[in-house]
Amino acid sequence: MGMDVKALESAEPAAAAAAGGGDIAVMTLAEASAAVGAGRVTPTQLVEAMLARIDHYNPDLHAYISVLKESALAQAKALEAELAAGKRRGPLHGIPIGLKDNIDTAGTPTTAASAVFDDRVPKEDATVAQRLKDAGAIVIGKTNMHEFAFGGTSSITYFGPVRNPWSYAHNTGGSSGGSGAAVSSCLCYGALGTDTGGSVRIPASYCGIVGLKATYGLVPIRGIIPDAFSMDHCGPMARTVEDAAIMLNAMAGYDKLDIASVEHPKEDYVQAMQQPVSSLRIGVPRAPFFDHADLEVAAAVNQAISVLGSLSAGVKDVSLPRADDFSWDVMNAETYAWHRELYQNSLNRYMLATRQELQGMKDWVDDPSRACSHTESEYVRMIWDMELRRRTIEDSFTDFDLVALPSMRTMPRPIVNAIQWEENWKPRNPDDWTVENMTFCNLYGIPAISIPCGFSSAGLPIGLMIAGPPFTEGKVLALAAAYEKATEWHKRRPPLHV
C-alpha cells in the first residue's frame, strides 16, 4: 500500500466536532461499567456510541483495521439478556474494547498489519482475548499497528499509518499505535497492545493515555503473533489507571499451554491500586534514562517526580543496571527465526522498512564471520544471561521500592519523518537510545506503567513511567493512581473531542 507523503504533511481532522455517542462515549471504562451495572445505559448503547465515532474518525485516524459491527452488536444483545436474567459477569460486562491485530480472534482476520497475512483467519482466540470475552468484554474491532510489531511509530503498516489524535501529522508511537489512538479518541473504552520493547507504553505516552506492561509471564501470550518471544508481553491500554487495573484482573493468570506463563497467586489489582503510597521510597535513575531528553520532557517529568515526592516517603537519585545491546541481540535472533520461512516465500509482501529490517537480521544471524554453531551457542548464552538478570534484578531495588523516569525522552516525530527514519533505520539498532527506557523493562521482565504527566508547547502528550521489581504490579498501580488523583493530565482529550 503506497503512502502519499504530501497528504500526510497537510493532514487535518475531517471534522472538529465529536460524532455521536455524547457523554456515553467519553466515559472511562469504570464509569461505563458503573452505568451498565446501574441500568443507566445498555451494552448496545455503548457499542452504538463507539461505532458512530469509529465511522466518523477512523477513516482519518486509521486506528482500526477491521470493525466487528455485527458480532459486537450480537454480543451486546446477548449480554443484555444475561443482565435481564440477573447475571453480570463483572465490571467488563458489556464494555466495548479493541484488540491489537496481532492477537488472534477466532473467525476474524488477524493480519499483524501486513499483506503477508491479509487472508489469515485464526481458528482459536488468543488466551487474553478469550479471557476478556469470558469477562463480558465486547471486541468491537482489531486495531492497526506497526507491521509485525517491528517498530515504534505505527507508520509502517499495510493499512495506512496510524495518526496521532493530538496532531494528525504526527505518529502515535508503536507498535500498538492503533490501540493508543482508539483509546485516546474514545473509539473504545480500553484496548490491548503488545510490548516487546515498549510497544504498549510508547503509544500510551504519545497518545496521552495509560499503558501497563506487567511482569513477564503474568499475562499469557499464547495466540499472539510473536515479535521476540522471550521479551513479548501483552498489556492493557486505557484512559485511567483504574481502567487498566480492571482489565489486568481479567487478563492475568497462569496458562499451562503457554510456556512463557508463570504461576503467581491471584491478586485483585483494583484493590491493590488503592493501597497507601506514603511509605513508598521512589528512586530516580538519572543516567542513562534522562540522557538526551527533550527539554520539555525533562521539565514535565521532573515536575511529576516532585509530585510523587510529596505523595510518598520521598525520592532520591539511584542507579539501575543497563540493558546495553543485549536485548537487541535477543530480538534479532528470535524474530528472524520466526520469520525465516515467511521472509523466503513472501519477501515482496512485506513493507519496505520491514523487509530491510529482516534482511539486516538475516545478515546478523547468518554472518559469515561466525560459524552457525557459534551463533546458536551465543543465543543460548544470551537466554541464560537474561534469566539470571531477571532473577536478580530485585537486588537492585535495595533501598527504594519503585523508580520514576520518562516514558519517552523525545516527542513523536511527524509521520513523514517517521517513515523516512524507519526506512533508513538499522535493524534493531542498539544505538537507538530513544527507546532505551522501554527495552530495559522488557529485558528484565519487570512491571512498568506509562501515565500522562504533561504536554509540550505544541500540545503533544508527555508520559511518566513508573516501574518496580517483578510482581509489584499493585505498588506500581497504586503510585500511578495516586499521581493521577493529584493531577489533571489524564482528563484532557484530543481536539477532535471538542
Protein backbone atom coordinates (compact mmCIF):
# COMPACT_ATOMS: atom_id res chain seq x y z
CA MET A 1 0.00 0.00 0.00
CA GLY A 2 1.53 3.34 -1.06
CA MET A 3 1.85 6.39 1.16
CA ASP A 4 1.09 9.94 -0.01
CA VAL A 5 3.76 11.91 1.85
CA LYS A 6 2.40 15.34 0.89
CA ALA A 7 -1.07 14.34 2.08
CA LEU A 8 0.40 13.24 5.40
CA GLU A 9 2.18 16.56 5.84
CA SER A 10 -1.05 18.52 5.50
CA ALA A 11 -3.41 16.06 7.18
CA GLU A 12 -6.16 17.65 9.28
CA PRO A 13 -9.11 16.11 11.12
CA ALA A 14 -12.16 15.54 8.95
CA ALA A 15 -14.29 17.41 11.47
CA ALA A 16 -13.74 19.18 14.76
CA ALA A 17 -16.98 18.14 16.45
CA ALA A 18 -17.42 14.79 18.11
CA ALA A 19 -19.53 12.36 16.16
CA GLY A 20 -22.20 10.51 18.06
CA GLY A 21 -22.17 8.99 21.49
CA GLY A 22 -22.27 12.20 23.51
CA ASP A 23 -21.27 11.76 27.15
CA ILE A 24 -21.51 7.97 26.85
CA ALA A 25 -18.52 7.81 24.53
CA VAL A 26 -16.17 9.86 26.69
CA MET A 27 -16.82 7.90 29.87
CA THR A 28 -13.93 5.99 31.37
CA LEU A 29 -14.22 2.22 31.38
CA ALA A 30 -15.04 2.29 35.10
CA GLU A 31 -17.73 4.90 34.57
CA ALA A 32 -19.27 2.95 31.69
CA SER A 33 -19.17 -0.21 33.81
CA ALA A 34 -20.97 1.52 36.67
CA ALA A 35 -23.58 2.88 34.26
CA VAL A 36 -24.24 -0.59 32.85
CA GLY A 37 -24.41 -2.11 36.32
CA ALA A 38 -26.93 0.52 37.45
CA GLY A 39 -29.04 0.10 34.32
CA ARG A 40 -28.46 3.67 33.12
CA VAL A 41 -27.09 2.51 29.79
CA THR A 42 -27.13 -0.76 27.90
CA PRO A 43 -24.25 -2.61 26.23
CA THR A 44 -25.95 -1.95 22.89
CA GLN A 45 -25.91 1.78 23.53
CA LEU A 46 -22.21 1.63 24.35
CA VAL A 47 -21.46 -0.32 21.19
CA GLU A 48 -23.54 2.01 19.04
CA ALA A 49 -21.79 5.05 20.52
CA MET A 50 -18.40 3.56 19.69
CA LEU A 51 -19.46 2.51 16.18
CA ALA A 52 -20.68 6.02 15.42
CA ARG A 53 -17.36 7.53 16.43
CA ILE A 54 -15.37 4.87 14.59
CA ASP A 55 -17.37 5.52 11.44
CA HIS A 56 -16.64 9.24 11.72
CA TYR A 57 -13.00 9.32 12.82
CA ASN A 58 -11.38 6.07 11.75
CA PRO A 59 -11.07 6.99 8.03
CA ASP A 60 -8.58 9.68 9.08
CA LEU A 61 -7.01 8.08 12.15
CA HIS A 62 -6.51 4.55 10.74
CA ALA A 63 -6.88 3.28 14.31
CA TYR A 64 -8.80 0.14 13.30
CA ILE A 65 -8.01 -2.39 10.60
CA SER A 66 -11.33 -4.19 10.96
CA VAL A 67 -14.53 -3.16 12.74
CA LEU A 68 -16.67 -6.03 14.01
CA LYS A 69 -20.03 -4.29 13.87
CA GLU A 70 -22.34 -7.27 13.53
CA SER A 71 -20.63 -9.50 16.07
CA ALA A 72 -20.27 -6.62 18.56
CA LEU A 73 -23.98 -5.81 18.36
CA ALA A 74 -24.86 -9.50 18.69
CA GLN A 75 -22.62 -9.81 21.75
CA ALA A 76 -24.25 -6.74 23.26
CA LYS A 77 -27.73 -8.21 22.86
CA ALA A 78 -26.68 -11.50 24.43
CA LEU A 79 -25.06 -9.71 27.37
CA GLU A 80 -28.19 -7.61 27.86
CA ALA A 81 -30.21 -10.79 28.09
CA GLU A 82 -27.86 -12.00 30.82
CA LEU A 83 -28.35 -8.75 32.73
CA ALA A 84 -32.11 -9.12 32.42
CA ALA A 85 -31.77 -12.61 33.91
CA GLY A 86 -29.81 -11.22 36.85
CA LYS A 87 -26.39 -12.35 35.67
CA ARG A 88 -23.50 -9.89 35.49
CA ARG A 89 -20.07 -11.29 34.76
CA GLY A 90 -18.17 -8.43 36.34
CA PRO A 91 -17.01 -4.89 35.59
CA LEU A 92 -16.23 -5.67 31.94
CA HIS A 93 -19.76 -6.89 31.23
CA GLY A 94 -20.92 -5.14 28.05
CA ILE A 95 -17.81 -2.94 27.64
CA PRO A 96 -16.52 -2.44 24.05
CA ILE A 97 -12.76 -2.90 23.69
CA GLY A 98 -10.24 -3.08 20.85
CA LEU A 99 -7.64 -5.79 20.27
CA LYS A 100 -4.34 -5.21 18.50
CA ASP A 101 -4.34 -7.07 15.20
CA ASN A 102 -1.58 -9.49 16.18
CA ILE A 103 -3.86 -11.02 18.85
CA ASP A 104 -5.73 -14.00 17.42
CA THR A 105 -9.52 -13.87 17.25
CA ALA A 106 -11.40 -16.94 16.07
CA GLY A 107 -13.13 -16.42 12.73
CA THR A 108 -11.85 -12.85 12.37
CA PRO A 109 -8.82 -11.84 10.28
CA THR A 110 -5.65 -11.25 12.29
CA THR A 111 -3.11 -9.67 9.96
CA ALA A 112 -0.35 -8.07 12.06
CA ALA A 113 -0.91 -5.11 9.69
CA SER A 114 0.84 -6.97 6.89
CA ALA A 115 -0.07 -8.11 3.38
CA VAL A 116 1.78 -11.30 4.27
CA PHE A 117 -1.21 -12.23 6.44
CA ASP A 118 -4.01 -10.43 4.61
CA ASP A 119 -6.03 -13.67 4.36
CA ARG A 120 -5.12 -15.16 7.74
CA VAL A 121 -8.16 -16.14 9.85
CA PRO A 122 -7.35 -17.92 13.14
CA LYS A 123 -9.46 -20.81 14.37
CA GLU A 124 -9.00 -20.02 18.06
CA ASP A 125 -8.89 -16.96 20.27
CA ALA A 126 -5.67 -15.95 21.99
CA THR A 127 -5.83 -16.66 25.72
CA VAL A 128 -6.18 -12.97 26.58
CA ALA A 129 -8.94 -12.48 24.02
CA GLN A 130 -10.89 -15.41 25.40
CA ARG A 131 -10.45 -14.24 28.99
CA LEU A 132 -11.73 -10.77 28.19
CA LYS A 133 -14.72 -12.19 26.32
CA ASP A 134 -15.44 -14.53 29.23
CA ALA A 135 -15.39 -11.47 31.49
CA GLY A 136 -18.08 -9.87 29.34
CA ALA A 137 -15.99 -7.52 27.21
CA ILE A 138 -17.16 -6.91 23.65
CA VAL A 139 -14.49 -6.89 20.95
CA ILE A 140 -15.50 -4.03 18.69
CA GLY A 141 -12.55 -4.20 16.33
CA LYS A 142 -8.94 -5.10 15.58
CA THR A 143 -6.58 -2.17 15.88
CA ASN A 144 -3.86 -1.06 13.49
CA MET A 145 -0.20 -1.49 14.36
CA HIS A 146 3.36 -1.29 13.13
CA GLU A 147 3.77 -4.20 10.71
CA PHE A 148 4.53 -7.36 12.69
CA ALA A 149 5.24 -5.10 15.72
CA PHE A 150 8.69 -4.36 14.28
CA GLY A 151 8.85 -0.65 15.14
CA GLY A 152 7.90 2.17 17.45
CA THR A 153 5.92 4.51 15.19
CA SER A 154 2.93 2.60 13.70
CA SER A 155 3.70 4.45 10.48
CA ILE A 156 4.80 1.29 8.67
CA THR A 157 1.58 -0.66 8.12
CA TYR A 158 -0.20 -2.13 5.12
CA PHE A 159 -3.39 -0.35 6.20
CA GLY A 160 -2.03 3.19 6.32
CA PRO A 161 -0.08 4.95 9.08
CA VAL A 162 -1.88 5.49 12.36
CA ARG A 163 -2.31 9.21 13.10
CA ASN A 164 -1.95 10.80 16.49
CA PRO A 165 -5.29 12.19 17.76
CA TRP A 166 -3.46 15.18 19.26
CA SER A 167 -1.89 16.06 15.91
CA TYR A 168 -2.85 14.14 12.81
CA ALA A 169 0.51 14.90 11.21
CA HIS A 170 2.42 13.08 13.98
CA ASN A 171 2.90 9.39 14.71
CA THR A 172 1.31 7.61 17.65
CA GLY A 173 4.29 5.60 18.71
CA GLY A 174 4.16 1.87 18.32
CA SER A 175 3.85 -0.80 17.73
CA SER A 176 0.40 -0.68 19.37
CA GLY A 177 -0.40 2.70 17.81
CA GLY A 178 -3.92 1.82 16.72
CA SER A 179 -4.86 0.83 20.25
CA GLY A 180 -3.38 4.06 21.58
CA ALA A 181 -5.25 6.20 19.07
CA ALA A 182 -8.52 4.32 19.60
CA VAL A 183 -8.44 4.73 23.40
CA SER A 184 -7.35 8.36 23.27
CA SER A 185 -10.08 9.20 20.72
CA CYS A 186 -12.82 7.37 22.64
CA LEU A 187 -13.28 4.76 19.93
CA CYS A 188 -13.30 2.07 22.64
CA TYR A 189 -13.15 2.05 26.43
CA GLY A 190 -9.92 0.11 26.57
CA ALA A 191 -7.67 -1.88 24.27
CA LEU A 192 -4.92 -4.46 24.29
CA GLY A 193 -1.43 -3.89 22.99
CA THR A 194 1.71 -5.99 22.94
CA ASP A 195 5.04 -4.84 24.31
CA THR A 196 8.43 -6.28 23.30
CA GLY A 197 10.48 -3.11 23.52
CA GLY A 198 7.91 -0.62 24.78
CA SER A 199 5.05 -1.12 22.34
CA VAL A 200 2.28 -0.61 24.91
CA ARG A 201 3.96 2.23 26.77
CA ILE A 202 5.30 4.23 23.80
CA PRO A 203 1.86 4.85 22.24
CA ALA A 204 0.41 5.38 25.72
CA SER A 205 2.95 8.16 26.24
CA TYR A 206 2.46 9.70 22.78
CA CYS A 207 -1.36 9.48 22.89
CA GLY A 208 -1.83 10.74 26.45
CA ILE A 209 -3.29 7.56 27.97
CA VAL A 210 -2.32 4.79 30.40
CA GLY A 211 -0.38 1.75 29.23
CA LEU A 212 0.66 -1.12 31.50
CA LYS A 213 3.21 -3.90 30.92
CA ALA A 214 3.05 -6.47 33.70
CA THR A 215 5.79 -8.83 34.86
CA TYR A 216 6.92 -11.22 32.12
CA GLY A 217 4.70 -14.30 32.17
CA LEU A 218 1.94 -12.85 34.35
CA VAL A 219 -0.28 -12.27 31.29
CA PRO A 220 -0.34 -15.14 28.77
CA ILE A 221 0.94 -14.51 25.24
CA ARG A 222 -0.33 -17.74 23.69
CA GLY A 223 -2.20 -16.99 20.48
CA ILE A 224 -0.34 -13.74 19.82
CA ILE A 225 1.85 -13.43 16.72
CA PRO A 226 5.30 -13.15 18.28
CA ASP A 227 7.90 -10.47 17.85
CA ALA A 228 10.61 -11.78 20.17
CA PHE A 229 9.11 -14.48 22.36
CA SER A 230 11.50 -14.07 25.30
CA MET A 231 10.58 -10.38 25.65
CA ASP A 232 6.95 -10.31 24.45
CA HIS A 233 4.27 -9.02 26.84
CA CYS A 234 0.59 -8.18 26.42
CA GLY A 235 -0.94 -5.32 28.36
CA PRO A 236 -3.99 -3.09 28.79
CA MET A 237 -4.26 0.43 27.39
CA ALA A 238 -6.91 2.69 28.91
CA ARG A 239 -7.81 6.23 29.87
CA THR A 240 -7.20 5.79 33.62
CA VAL A 241 -5.12 3.65 35.95
CA GLU A 242 -8.28 2.10 37.39
CA ASP A 243 -9.42 1.08 33.91
CA ALA A 244 -6.08 -0.64 33.29
CA ALA A 245 -6.33 -2.46 36.64
CA ILE A 246 -9.84 -3.69 35.78
CA MET A 247 -8.56 -5.13 32.51
CA LEU A 248 -5.48 -6.68 34.11
CA ASN A 249 -7.70 -8.52 36.59
CA ALA A 250 -9.33 -10.35 33.70
CA MET A 251 -6.11 -10.97 31.75
CA ALA A 252 -3.62 -12.15 34.37
CA GLY A 253 -3.30 -15.77 35.38
CA TYR A 254 -1.49 -19.00 34.57
CA ASP A 255 -1.94 -20.75 31.23
CA LYS A 256 -0.31 -24.17 31.26
CA LEU A 257 -0.24 -24.31 27.45
CA ASP A 258 1.79 -21.09 27.32
CA ILE A 259 5.44 -21.89 28.04
CA ALA A 260 6.09 -18.23 28.95
CA SER A 261 3.32 -18.24 31.56
CA VAL A 262 4.24 -18.26 35.25
CA GLU A 263 2.23 -19.35 38.25
CA HIS A 264 1.58 -16.47 40.60
CA PRO A 265 -1.02 -16.11 43.37
CA LYS A 266 -4.21 -14.43 42.20
CA GLU A 267 -4.36 -10.72 43.01
CA ASP A 268 -7.09 -8.10 42.83
CA TYR A 269 -5.29 -5.24 41.12
CA VAL A 270 -8.16 -2.80 41.58
CA GLN A 271 -7.95 -3.37 45.32
CA ALA A 272 -4.15 -3.29 45.27
CA MET A 273 -4.30 0.03 43.44
CA GLN A 274 -5.97 1.55 46.49
CA GLN A 275 -3.15 0.78 48.94
CA PRO A 276 -1.43 3.75 50.65
CA VAL A 277 1.71 5.06 48.97
CA SER A 278 3.02 7.31 51.76
CA SER A 279 5.64 4.76 52.77
CA LEU A 280 6.94 4.01 49.28
CA ARG A 281 10.50 5.10 48.52
CA ILE A 282 10.95 6.36 44.96
CA GLY A 283 14.20 6.10 43.03
CA VAL A 284 15.11 8.28 40.05
CA PRO A 285 17.69 6.63 37.75
CA ARG A 286 19.11 9.74 36.08
CA ALA A 287 21.78 8.06 33.94
CA PRO A 288 21.23 6.95 31.26
CA PHE A 289 17.45 7.22 31.46
CA PHE A 290 17.30 11.03 31.27
CA ASP A 291 20.17 11.41 28.76
CA HIS A 292 19.30 13.41 25.62
CA ALA A 293 15.76 14.04 26.89
CA ASP A 294 13.89 16.89 25.19
CA LEU A 295 13.82 19.94 27.46
CA GLU A 296 10.02 19.89 27.69
CA VAL A 297 10.01 16.18 28.50
CA ALA A 298 12.61 16.62 31.24
CA ALA A 299 10.73 19.55 32.74
CA ALA A 300 7.39 17.72 32.80
CA VAL A 301 8.87 14.53 34.24
CA ASN A 302 10.84 16.37 36.90
CA GLN A 303 7.69 18.20 37.94
CA ALA A 304 5.86 14.87 38.12
CA ILE A 305 8.65 13.42 40.26
CA SER A 306 8.24 16.37 42.61
CA VAL A 307 4.56 15.47 42.97
CA LEU A 308 5.50 11.82 43.62
CA GLY A 309 7.85 13.02 46.34
CA SER A 310 5.01 14.79 48.11
CA LEU A 311 2.84 11.68 47.93
CA SER A 312 5.44 9.14 49.04
CA ALA A 313 8.25 8.72 51.54
CA GLY A 314 10.46 10.76 49.23
CA VAL A 315 12.61 10.49 46.11
CA LYS A 316 16.33 10.12 45.56
CA ASP A 317 18.72 9.50 42.69
CA VAL A 318 19.57 5.83 42.20
CA SER A 319 21.33 3.54 39.75
CA LEU A 320 19.97 0.62 37.74
CA PRO A 321 21.82 -1.85 35.53
CA ARG A 322 21.79 -1.05 31.81
CA ALA A 323 20.33 -3.19 29.06
CA ASP A 324 23.21 -2.33 26.68
CA ASP A 325 22.73 -4.03 23.31
CA PHE A 326 21.87 -7.40 24.83
CA SER A 327 18.10 -7.09 24.30
CA TRP A 328 18.51 -6.18 20.63
CA ASP A 329 20.57 -9.32 20.00
CA VAL A 330 17.85 -11.49 21.53
CA MET A 331 15.21 -9.73 19.41
CA ASN A 332 17.22 -10.16 16.21
CA ALA A 333 17.74 -13.87 16.76
CA GLU A 334 14.18 -14.73 17.80
CA THR A 335 12.39 -12.52 15.31
CA TYR A 336 14.33 -13.75 12.31
CA ALA A 337 13.95 -17.37 13.42
CA TRP A 338 10.14 -16.98 13.39
CA HIS A 339 10.04 -15.09 10.08
CA ARG A 340 12.70 -17.03 8.20
CA GLU A 341 10.31 -19.13 6.09
CA LEU A 342 7.84 -16.28 5.52
CA TYR A 343 10.70 -14.00 4.52
CA GLN A 344 11.94 -16.53 1.98
CA ASN A 345 8.50 -17.21 0.49
CA SER A 346 6.73 -13.83 0.78
CA LEU A 347 9.55 -11.31 0.60
CA ASN A 348 7.74 -8.79 -1.60
CA ARG A 349 4.61 -8.76 0.56
CA TYR A 350 6.41 -7.11 3.47
CA MET A 351 6.54 -3.31 3.68
CA LEU A 352 9.88 -1.88 2.53
CA ALA A 353 11.09 -0.91 6.00
CA THR A 354 10.15 -4.32 7.45
CA ARG A 355 11.81 -6.11 4.55
CA GLN A 356 15.00 -4.14 5.11
CA GLU A 357 14.91 -4.88 8.81
CA LEU A 358 14.51 -8.61 8.20
CA GLN A 359 17.40 -8.51 5.76
CA GLY A 360 19.50 -6.87 8.45
CA MET A 361 18.51 -9.60 10.90
CA LYS A 362 19.37 -12.25 8.33
CA ASP A 363 22.79 -10.71 7.81
CA TRP A 364 23.33 -10.64 11.58
CA VAL A 365 22.22 -14.22 12.14
CA ASP A 366 23.99 -15.58 9.06
CA ASP A 367 27.15 -13.51 9.50
CA PRO A 368 29.80 -15.49 7.57
CA SER A 369 32.44 -14.40 10.08
CA ARG A 370 30.75 -16.62 12.66
CA ALA A 371 30.01 -20.31 12.33
CA CYS A 372 26.33 -21.19 12.63
CA SER A 373 27.02 -23.22 15.76
CA HIS A 374 28.64 -20.18 17.34
CA THR A 375 25.54 -18.10 16.60
CA GLU A 376 23.35 -20.74 18.19
CA SER A 377 25.56 -21.04 21.25
CA GLU A 378 25.63 -17.24 21.57
CA TYR A 379 21.84 -17.20 21.61
CA VAL A 380 21.68 -19.90 24.28
CA ARG A 381 24.13 -17.96 26.43
CA MET A 382 22.07 -14.77 25.97
CA ILE A 383 18.92 -16.56 27.15
CA TRP A 384 20.75 -17.92 30.20
CA ASP A 385 22.06 -14.44 30.91
CA MET A 386 18.57 -12.97 30.56
CA GLU A 387 17.15 -15.49 33.02
CA LEU A 388 19.87 -14.67 35.54
CA ARG A 389 19.26 -10.93 35.14
CA ARG A 390 15.54 -11.40 35.73
CA ARG A 391 16.15 -13.45 38.84
CA THR A 392 18.50 -10.86 40.32
CA ILE A 393 17.00 -7.50 39.23
CA GLU A 394 15.17 -7.26 42.54
CA ASP A 395 18.57 -6.93 44.20
CA SER A 396 18.95 -3.53 42.52
CA PHE A 397 15.94 -2.22 44.47
CA THR A 398 17.84 -2.30 47.75
CA ASP A 399 16.73 0.91 49.46
CA PHE A 400 13.94 2.07 47.20
CA ASP A 401 10.67 0.45 46.14
CA LEU A 402 9.87 1.84 42.70
CA VAL A 403 11.52 4.02 40.07
CA ALA A 404 10.20 7.00 38.11
CA LEU A 405 11.59 8.13 34.77
CA PRO A 406 10.49 9.48 31.38
CA SER A 407 8.43 7.08 29.31
CA MET A 408 9.93 8.51 26.14
CA ARG A 409 12.78 11.01 26.11
CA THR A 410 11.65 12.59 22.84
CA MET A 411 8.38 13.84 21.38
CA PRO A 412 6.72 11.98 18.49
CA ARG A 413 8.06 12.65 15.01
CA PRO A 414 5.86 13.85 12.16
CA ILE A 415 4.66 10.79 10.25
CA VAL A 416 6.62 11.81 7.16
CA ASN A 417 9.85 11.88 9.15
CA ALA A 418 8.93 8.68 10.97
CA ILE A 419 8.52 6.80 7.68
CA GLN A 420 11.84 8.11 6.36
CA TRP A 421 13.52 7.23 9.66
CA GLU A 422 12.10 3.71 9.68
CA GLU A 423 13.18 3.10 6.08
CA ASN A 424 16.75 4.17 6.89
CA TRP A 425 16.97 2.71 10.38
CA LYS A 426 19.50 -0.01 11.10
CA PRO A 427 17.61 -3.16 12.15
CA ARG A 428 17.07 -3.33 15.93
CA ASN A 429 19.75 -0.70 16.39
CA PRO A 430 21.45 -0.90 19.82
CA ASP A 431 22.40 2.77 19.47
CA ASP A 432 18.75 3.85 19.39
CA TRP A 433 18.68 5.40 22.87
CA THR A 434 15.19 6.86 22.27
CA VAL A 435 13.57 3.58 23.42
CA GLU A 436 16.24 2.53 25.93
CA ASN A 437 13.95 3.33 28.87
CA MET A 438 11.41 0.92 27.41
CA THR A 439 13.60 -2.02 26.41
CA PHE A 440 15.17 -2.09 29.87
CA CYS A 441 11.85 -3.17 31.38
CA ASN A 442 11.35 -5.88 28.75
CA LEU A 443 14.81 -7.34 29.16
CA TYR A 444 14.37 -7.59 32.94
CA GLY A 445 10.68 -8.52 32.66
CA ILE A 446 9.59 -6.02 35.31
CA PRO A 447 6.20 -4.27 35.59
CA ALA A 448 6.02 -0.73 34.19
CA ILE A 449 3.24 1.76 33.54
CA SER A 450 3.14 4.94 31.45
CA ILE A 451 0.77 7.70 32.57
CA PRO A 452 0.23 11.25 31.26
CA CYS A 453 2.28 13.89 33.09
CA GLY A 454 2.17 16.95 30.84
CA PHE A 455 2.07 18.40 27.35
CA SER A 456 4.57 20.09 25.10
CA SER A 457 4.14 23.67 23.90
CA ALA A 458 2.84 22.13 20.65
CA GLY A 459 0.11 20.28 22.57
CA LEU A 460 1.59 16.77 22.38
CA PRO A 461 1.37 14.47 25.44
CA ILE A 462 4.32 13.58 27.66
CA GLY A 463 4.47 10.35 29.65
CA LEU A 464 5.83 9.39 33.06
CA MET A 465 6.93 5.79 33.60
CA ILE A 466 6.77 4.05 36.98
CA ALA A 467 8.39 0.63 37.32
CA GLY A 468 9.23 -1.84 40.07
CA PRO A 469 10.65 -5.29 40.80
CA PRO A 470 8.89 -8.40 39.49
CA PHE A 471 5.28 -8.87 40.62
CA THR A 472 4.94 -5.42 42.21
CA GLU A 473 2.04 -4.50 39.93
CA GLY A 474 -0.03 -3.47 42.95
CA LYS A 475 2.52 -0.89 44.12
CA VAL A 476 3.11 0.39 40.58
CA LEU A 477 -0.62 0.84 40.06
CA ALA A 478 -1.08 2.44 43.47
CA LEU A 479 1.60 5.09 42.91
CA ALA A 480 0.30 5.78 39.40
CA ALA A 481 -3.26 6.12 40.71
CA ALA A 482 -2.13 8.47 43.48
CA TYR A 483 -0.34 10.68 40.95
CA GLU A 484 -3.37 10.58 38.66
CA LYS A 485 -5.64 11.66 41.52
CA ALA A 486 -3.31 14.56 42.38
CA THR A 487 -3.16 15.90 38.81
CA GLU A 488 -5.45 16.66 35.89
CA TRP A 489 -3.45 15.50 32.87
CA HIS A 490 -5.48 12.32 32.32
CA LYS A 491 -8.68 14.36 31.96
CA ARG A 492 -7.56 16.13 28.78
CA ARG A 493 -8.97 14.97 25.46
CA PRO A 494 -7.62 15.48 21.94
CA PRO A 495 -9.04 18.41 19.92
CA LEU A 496 -11.29 16.12 17.92
CA HIS A 497 -13.37 15.65 21.10
CA VAL A 498 -14.18 19.35 21.43
